[in-house]
């Protein structure tokens, strides 16, 4: 499968699959956009080459590219395991979903789940994306759902007994 991709920004590093057969392609930070708390739903683009992410803070990291995912597929933006383990970084809406019709610049919403500051730099690997097949479905309204072993057990109901 070929995925059309274009640089959104001339300084962007395009995604790379590190090793043949890997599921994910690494994505690189191309900038920083911070939430403007003085205005509703507004982002402030920062011109800095690095950003210090405080504990429990989140920031949008533009990735510097756009794609045309083929119909019948979507991309899932997911955390990198090494950053999660060693730095406490994750992707807030993991997985982030890039639909086939999306043509704007990709971005990763990064959160610092550690108890210390983490410095992010333009050009750092920050996340990866995985191409997934889309399952076409519709809902069918029914009066009763089929029985299951779990039944009406709620969250955690299959845990320790």
C-alpha atoms as a PDB file:
ATOM      1  CA  UNK A   1       0.000   0.000   0.000  1.00  0.00           C
ATOM      2  CA  UNK A   2       1.273   3.479  -0.861  1.00  0.00           C
ATOM      3  CA  UNK A   3       0.231   6.399   1.359  1.00  0.00           C
ATOM      4  CA  UNK A   4       0.497   9.862  -0.189  1.00  0.00           C
ATOM      5  CA  UNK A   5       2.332  12.180   2.218  1.00  0.00           C
ATOM      6  CA  UNK A   6       3.473  15.776   1.963  1.00  0.00           C
ATOM      7  CA  UNK A   7       5.549  18.023   4.146  1.00  0.00           C
ATOM      8  CA  UNK A   8       3.358  20.603   5.860  1.00  0.00           C
ATOM      9  CA  UNK A   9       6.458  22.476   6.879  1.00  0.00           C
ATOM     10  CA  UNK A  10       9.809  22.478   4.995  1.00  0.00           C
ATOM     11  CA  UNK A  11      11.724  21.708   8.219  1.00  0.00           C
ATOM     12  CA  UNK A  12       9.617  18.625   9.013  1.00  0.00           C
ATOM     13  CA  UNK A  13      11.108  15.165   9.332  1.00  0.00           C
ATOM     14  CA  UNK A  14       8.784  12.716   7.609  1.00  0.00           C
ATOM     15  CA  UNK A  15       7.711   9.565   9.498  1.00  0.00           C
ATOM     16  CA  UNK A  16      10.064   6.596   9.331  1.00  0.00           C
ATOM     17  CA  UNK A  17       9.624   2.881   9.899  1.00  0.00           C
ATOM     18  CA  UNK A  18      12.737   1.952  11.910  1.00  0.00           C
ATOM     19  CA  UNK A  19      12.943  -1.727  10.963  1.00  0.00           C
ATOM     20  CA  UNK A  20      11.285  -3.603   8.110  1.00  0.00           C
ATOM     21  CA  UNK A  21       8.180  -5.319   9.465  1.00  0.00           C
ATOM     22  CA  UNK A  22       7.566  -2.826  12.296  1.00  0.00           C
ATOM     23  CA  UNK A  23       3.887  -1.977  12.810  1.00  0.00           C
ATOM     24  CA  UNK A  24       4.470   1.704  13.548  1.00  0.00           C
ATOM     25  CA  UNK A  25       6.193   4.592  11.816  1.00  0.00           C
ATOM     26  CA  UNK A  26       8.026   7.011  14.120  1.00  0.00           C
ATOM     27  CA  UNK A  27       6.874  10.656  14.028  1.00  0.00           C
ATOM     28  CA  UNK A  28       8.982  13.674  14.959  1.00  0.00           C
ATOM     29  CA  UNK A  29       8.171  16.949  16.729  1.00  0.00           C
ATOM     30  CA  UNK A  30       7.988  19.881  14.321  1.00  0.00           C
ATOM     31  CA  UNK A  31       6.800  22.537  16.772  1.00  0.00           C
ATOM     32  CA  UNK A  32       4.778  23.302  19.862  1.00  0.00           C
ATOM     33  CA  UNK A  33       1.263  24.682  20.336  1.00  0.00           C
ATOM     34  CA  UNK A  34       0.075  25.541  23.818  1.00  0.00           C
ATOM     35  CA  UNK A  35      -3.506  26.013  25.013  1.00  0.00           C
ATOM     36  CA  UNK A  36      -4.409  29.697  25.396  1.00  0.00           C
ATOM     37  CA  UNK A  37      -6.376  29.721  28.644  1.00  0.00           C
ATOM     38  CA  UNK A  38      -7.543  33.304  28.050  1.00  0.00           C
ATOM     39  CA  UNK A  39      -9.614  32.303  24.995  1.00  0.00           C
ATOM     40  CA  UNK A  40     -11.820  29.283  24.464  1.00  0.00           C
ATOM     41  CA  UNK A  41     -10.428  26.665  22.072  1.00  0.00           C
ATOM     42  CA  UNK A  42      -7.410  28.660  20.944  1.00  0.00           C
ATOM     43  CA  UNK A  43      -3.829  27.482  20.564  1.00  0.00           C
ATOM     44  CA  UNK A  44      -0.703  29.617  20.730  1.00  0.00           C
ATOM     45  CA  UNK A  45       2.093  28.561  18.376  1.00  0.00           C
ATOM     46  CA  UNK A  46       5.445  28.718  20.134  1.00  0.00           C
ATOM     47  CA  UNK A  47       8.573  29.548  18.113  1.00  0.00           C
ATOM     48  CA  UNK A  48      10.936  27.807  20.544  1.00  0.00           C
ATOM     49  CA  UNK A  49      13.203  24.899  19.552  1.00  0.00           C
ATOM     50  CA  UNK A  50      12.434  23.152  22.844  1.00  0.00           C
ATOM     51  CA  UNK A  51       9.677  23.069  25.415  1.00  0.00           C
ATOM     52  CA  UNK A  52       9.764  22.026  29.080  1.00  0.00           C
ATOM     53  CA  UNK A  53       6.660  19.976  29.792  1.00  0.00           C
ATOM     54  CA  UNK A  54       5.685  20.137  33.475  1.00  0.00           C
ATOM     55  CA  UNK A  55       4.157  17.170  35.340  1.00  0.00           C
ATOM     56  CA  UNK A  56       0.534  16.577  34.233  1.00  0.00           C
ATOM     57  CA  UNK A  57       0.818  19.276  31.559  1.00  0.00           C
ATOM     58  CA  UNK A  58      -0.150  18.606  27.947  1.00  0.00           C
ATOM     59  CA  UNK A  59       0.920  20.243  24.705  1.00  0.00           C
ATOM     60  CA  UNK A  60       0.148  19.808  21.020  1.00  0.00           C
ATOM     61  CA  UNK A  61       3.205  18.818  19.012  1.00  0.00           C
ATOM     62  CA  UNK A  62       2.613  19.458  15.285  1.00  0.00           C
ATOM     63  CA  UNK A  63       4.279  16.709  13.260  1.00  0.00           C
ATOM     64  CA  UNK A  64       4.901  18.679  10.064  1.00  0.00           C
ATOM     65  CA  UNK A  65       3.156  16.466   7.524  1.00  0.00           C
ATOM     66  CA  UNK A  66      -0.230  15.603   6.063  1.00  0.00           C
ATOM     67  CA  UNK A  67      -1.422  12.411   4.391  1.00  0.00           C
ATOM     68  CA  UNK A  68      -4.128  10.857   2.315  1.00  0.00           C
ATOM     69  CA  UNK A  69      -4.953   7.591   4.057  1.00  0.00           C
ATOM     70  CA  UNK A  70      -6.641   5.230   1.547  1.00  0.00           C
ATOM     71  CA  UNK A  71     -10.405   4.649   1.885  1.00  0.00           C
ATOM     72  CA  UNK A  72     -11.128   1.672   4.123  1.00  0.00           C
ATOM     73  CA  UNK A  73      -8.190   2.446   6.444  1.00  0.00           C
ATOM     74  CA  UNK A  74      -7.301   4.885   9.223  1.00  0.00           C
ATOM     75  CA  UNK A  75      -4.169   5.720  11.190  1.00  0.00           C
ATOM     76  CA  UNK A  76      -3.857   5.341  14.956  1.00  0.00           C
ATOM     77  CA  UNK A  77      -1.404   7.739  16.646  1.00  0.00           C
ATOM     78  CA  UNK A  78       0.048   5.934  19.665  1.00  0.00           C
ATOM     79  CA  UNK A  79       2.728   6.523  22.340  1.00  0.00           C
ATOM     80  CA  UNK A  80       6.273   5.231  22.017  1.00  0.00           C
ATOM     81  CA  UNK A  81       6.925   2.622  24.692  1.00  0.00           C
ATOM     82  CA  UNK A  82      10.405   3.895  25.608  1.00  0.00           C
ATOM     83  CA  UNK A  83       9.134   7.444  26.195  1.00  0.00           C
ATOM     84  CA  UNK A  84       6.259   6.069  28.261  1.00  0.00           C
ATOM     85  CA  UNK A  85       8.549   3.940  30.455  1.00  0.00           C
ATOM     86  CA  UNK A  86      11.579   6.194  30.867  1.00  0.00           C
ATOM     87  CA  UNK A  87      10.064   9.688  30.648  1.00  0.00           C
ATOM     88  CA  UNK A  88       6.414   9.151  31.631  1.00  0.00           C
ATOM     89  CA  UNK A  89       5.166  10.637  28.345  1.00  0.00           C
ATOM     90  CA  UNK A  90       1.980   9.502  26.681  1.00  0.00           C
ATOM     91  CA  UNK A  91      -0.515  10.601  24.054  1.00  0.00           C
ATOM     92  CA  UNK A  92      -3.637  11.990  25.736  1.00  0.00           C
ATOM     93  CA  UNK A  93      -6.241  10.666  23.303  1.00  0.00           C
ATOM     94  CA  UNK A  94      -4.424   7.418  22.640  1.00  0.00           C
ATOM     95  CA  UNK A  95      -4.912   6.236  20.109  1.00  0.00           C
ATOM     96  CA  UNK A  96      -5.475   9.442  18.176  1.00  0.00           C
ATOM     97  CA  UNK A  97      -7.473   8.675  15.051  1.00  0.00           C
ATOM     98  CA  UNK A  98      -6.598  10.031  11.605  1.00  0.00           C
ATOM     99  CA  UNK A  99      -9.506   9.321   9.255  1.00  0.00           C
ATOM    100  CA  UNK A 100      -9.094   8.686   5.535  1.00  0.00           C
ATOM    101  CA  UNK A 101     -10.602  12.063   4.654  1.00  0.00           C
ATOM    102  CA  UNK A 102      -8.314  14.140   6.926  1.00  0.00           C
ATOM    103  CA  UNK A 103      -5.908  16.357   4.957  1.00  0.00           C
ATOM    104  CA  UNK A 104      -4.637  18.806   7.588  1.00  0.00           C
ATOM    105  CA  UNK A 105      -1.326  18.657   9.467  1.00  0.00           C
ATOM    106  CA  UNK A 106      -0.978  15.773  11.885  1.00  0.00           C
ATOM    107  CA  UNK A 107      -0.296  16.462  15.567  1.00  0.00           C
ATOM    108  CA  UNK A 108       0.262  14.567  18.802  1.00  0.00           C
ATOM    109  CA  UNK A 109      -1.255  15.701  22.107  1.00  0.00           C
ATOM    110  CA  UNK A 110       1.552  14.850  24.520  1.00  0.00           C
ATOM    111  CA  UNK A 111       1.086  14.608  28.301  1.00  0.00           C
ATOM    112  CA  UNK A 112       3.736  14.327  31.000  1.00  0.00           C
ATOM    113  CA  UNK A 113       2.562  11.695  33.497  1.00  0.00           C
ATOM    114  CA  UNK A 114       5.809  11.737  35.466  1.00  0.00           C
ATOM    115  CA  UNK A 115       6.576  13.742  38.597  1.00  0.00           C
ATOM    116  CA  UNK A 116       9.401  15.751  36.951  1.00  0.00           C
ATOM    117  CA  UNK A 117       9.850  18.177  34.063  1.00  0.00           C
ATOM    118  CA  UNK A 118      10.587  16.649  30.647  1.00  0.00           C
ATOM    119  CA  UNK A 119      12.311  18.712  27.958  1.00  0.00           C
ATOM    120  CA  UNK A 120      11.018  18.160  24.415  1.00  0.00           C
ATOM    121  CA  UNK A 121      13.017  19.275  21.357  1.00  0.00           C
ATOM    122  CA  UNK A 122      12.037  19.867  17.745  1.00  0.00           C
ATOM    123  CA  UNK A 123      13.173  16.790  15.845  1.00  0.00           C
ATOM    124  CA  UNK A 124      12.608  14.361  18.763  1.00  0.00           C
ATOM    125  CA  UNK A 125      10.739  11.133  18.052  1.00  0.00           C
ATOM    126  CA  UNK A 126       7.494  11.650  19.960  1.00  0.00           C
ATOM    127  CA  UNK A 127       4.939   9.054  18.826  1.00  0.00           C
ATOM    128  CA  UNK A 128       4.235   6.522  16.137  1.00  0.00           C
ATOM    129  CA  UNK A 129       1.355   5.749  13.869  1.00  0.00           C
ATOM    130  CA  UNK A 130      -0.100   2.440  12.784  1.00  0.00           C
ATOM    131  CA  UNK A 131      -2.295   1.930   9.734  1.00  0.00           C
ATOM    132  CA  UNK A 132      -5.406  -0.085  10.550  1.00  0.00           C
ATOM    133  CA  UNK A 133      -8.179  -1.551   8.422  1.00  0.00           C
ATOM    134  CA  UNK A 134     -11.557   0.028   8.970  1.00  0.00           C
ATOM    135  CA  UNK A 135     -14.494  -2.279   9.660  1.00  0.00           C
ATOM    136  CA  UNK A 136     -17.721  -1.033   8.113  1.00  0.00           C
ATOM    137  CA  UNK A 137     -20.650  -1.386  10.523  1.00  0.00           C
ATOM    138  CA  UNK A 138     -24.175  -0.238  11.301  1.00  0.00           C
ATOM    139  CA  UNK A 139     -26.192  -0.375  14.499  1.00  0.00           C
ATOM    140  CA  UNK A 140     -29.188  -2.645  14.856  1.00  0.00           C
ATOM    141  CA  UNK A 141     -31.669  -1.606  17.536  1.00  0.00           C
ATOM    142  CA  UNK A 142     -32.843  -4.632  19.564  1.00  0.00           C
ATOM    143  CA  UNK A 143     -35.049  -5.168  22.606  1.00  0.00           C
ATOM    144  CA  UNK A 144     -32.580  -7.546  24.319  1.00  0.00           C
ATOM    145  CA  UNK A 145     -28.867  -8.197  23.959  1.00  0.00           C
ATOM    146  CA  UNK A 146     -27.508 -11.743  23.655  1.00  0.00           C
ATOM    147  CA  UNK A 147     -26.468 -13.305  26.996  1.00  0.00           C
ATOM    148  CA  UNK A 148     -22.784 -13.514  27.957  1.00  0.00           C
ATOM    149  CA  UNK A 149     -20.753 -15.005  30.814  1.00  0.00           C
ATOM    150  CA  UNK A 150     -20.094 -11.514  32.180  1.00  0.00           C
ATOM    151  CA  UNK A 151     -23.686 -10.382  31.947  1.00  0.00           C
ATOM    152  CA  UNK A 152     -24.285  -7.047  33.640  1.00  0.00           C
ATOM    153  CA  UNK A 153     -20.958  -7.078  35.544  1.00  0.00           C
ATOM    154  CA  UNK A 154     -19.540  -3.553  35.552  1.00  0.00           C
ATOM    155  CA  UNK A 155     -16.044  -2.110  35.397  1.00  0.00           C
ATOM    156  CA  UNK A 156     -13.557  -4.377  37.134  1.00  0.00           C
ATOM    157  CA  UNK A 157     -16.061  -7.196  37.516  1.00  0.00           C
ATOM    158  CA  UNK A 158     -13.696  -9.755  35.948  1.00  0.00           C
ATOM    159  CA  UNK A 159     -10.776  -8.823  38.244  1.00  0.00           C
ATOM    160  CA  UNK A 160      -9.723 -10.408  41.548  1.00  0.00           C
ATOM    161  CA  UNK A 161     -12.324 -12.561  43.266  1.00  0.00           C
END
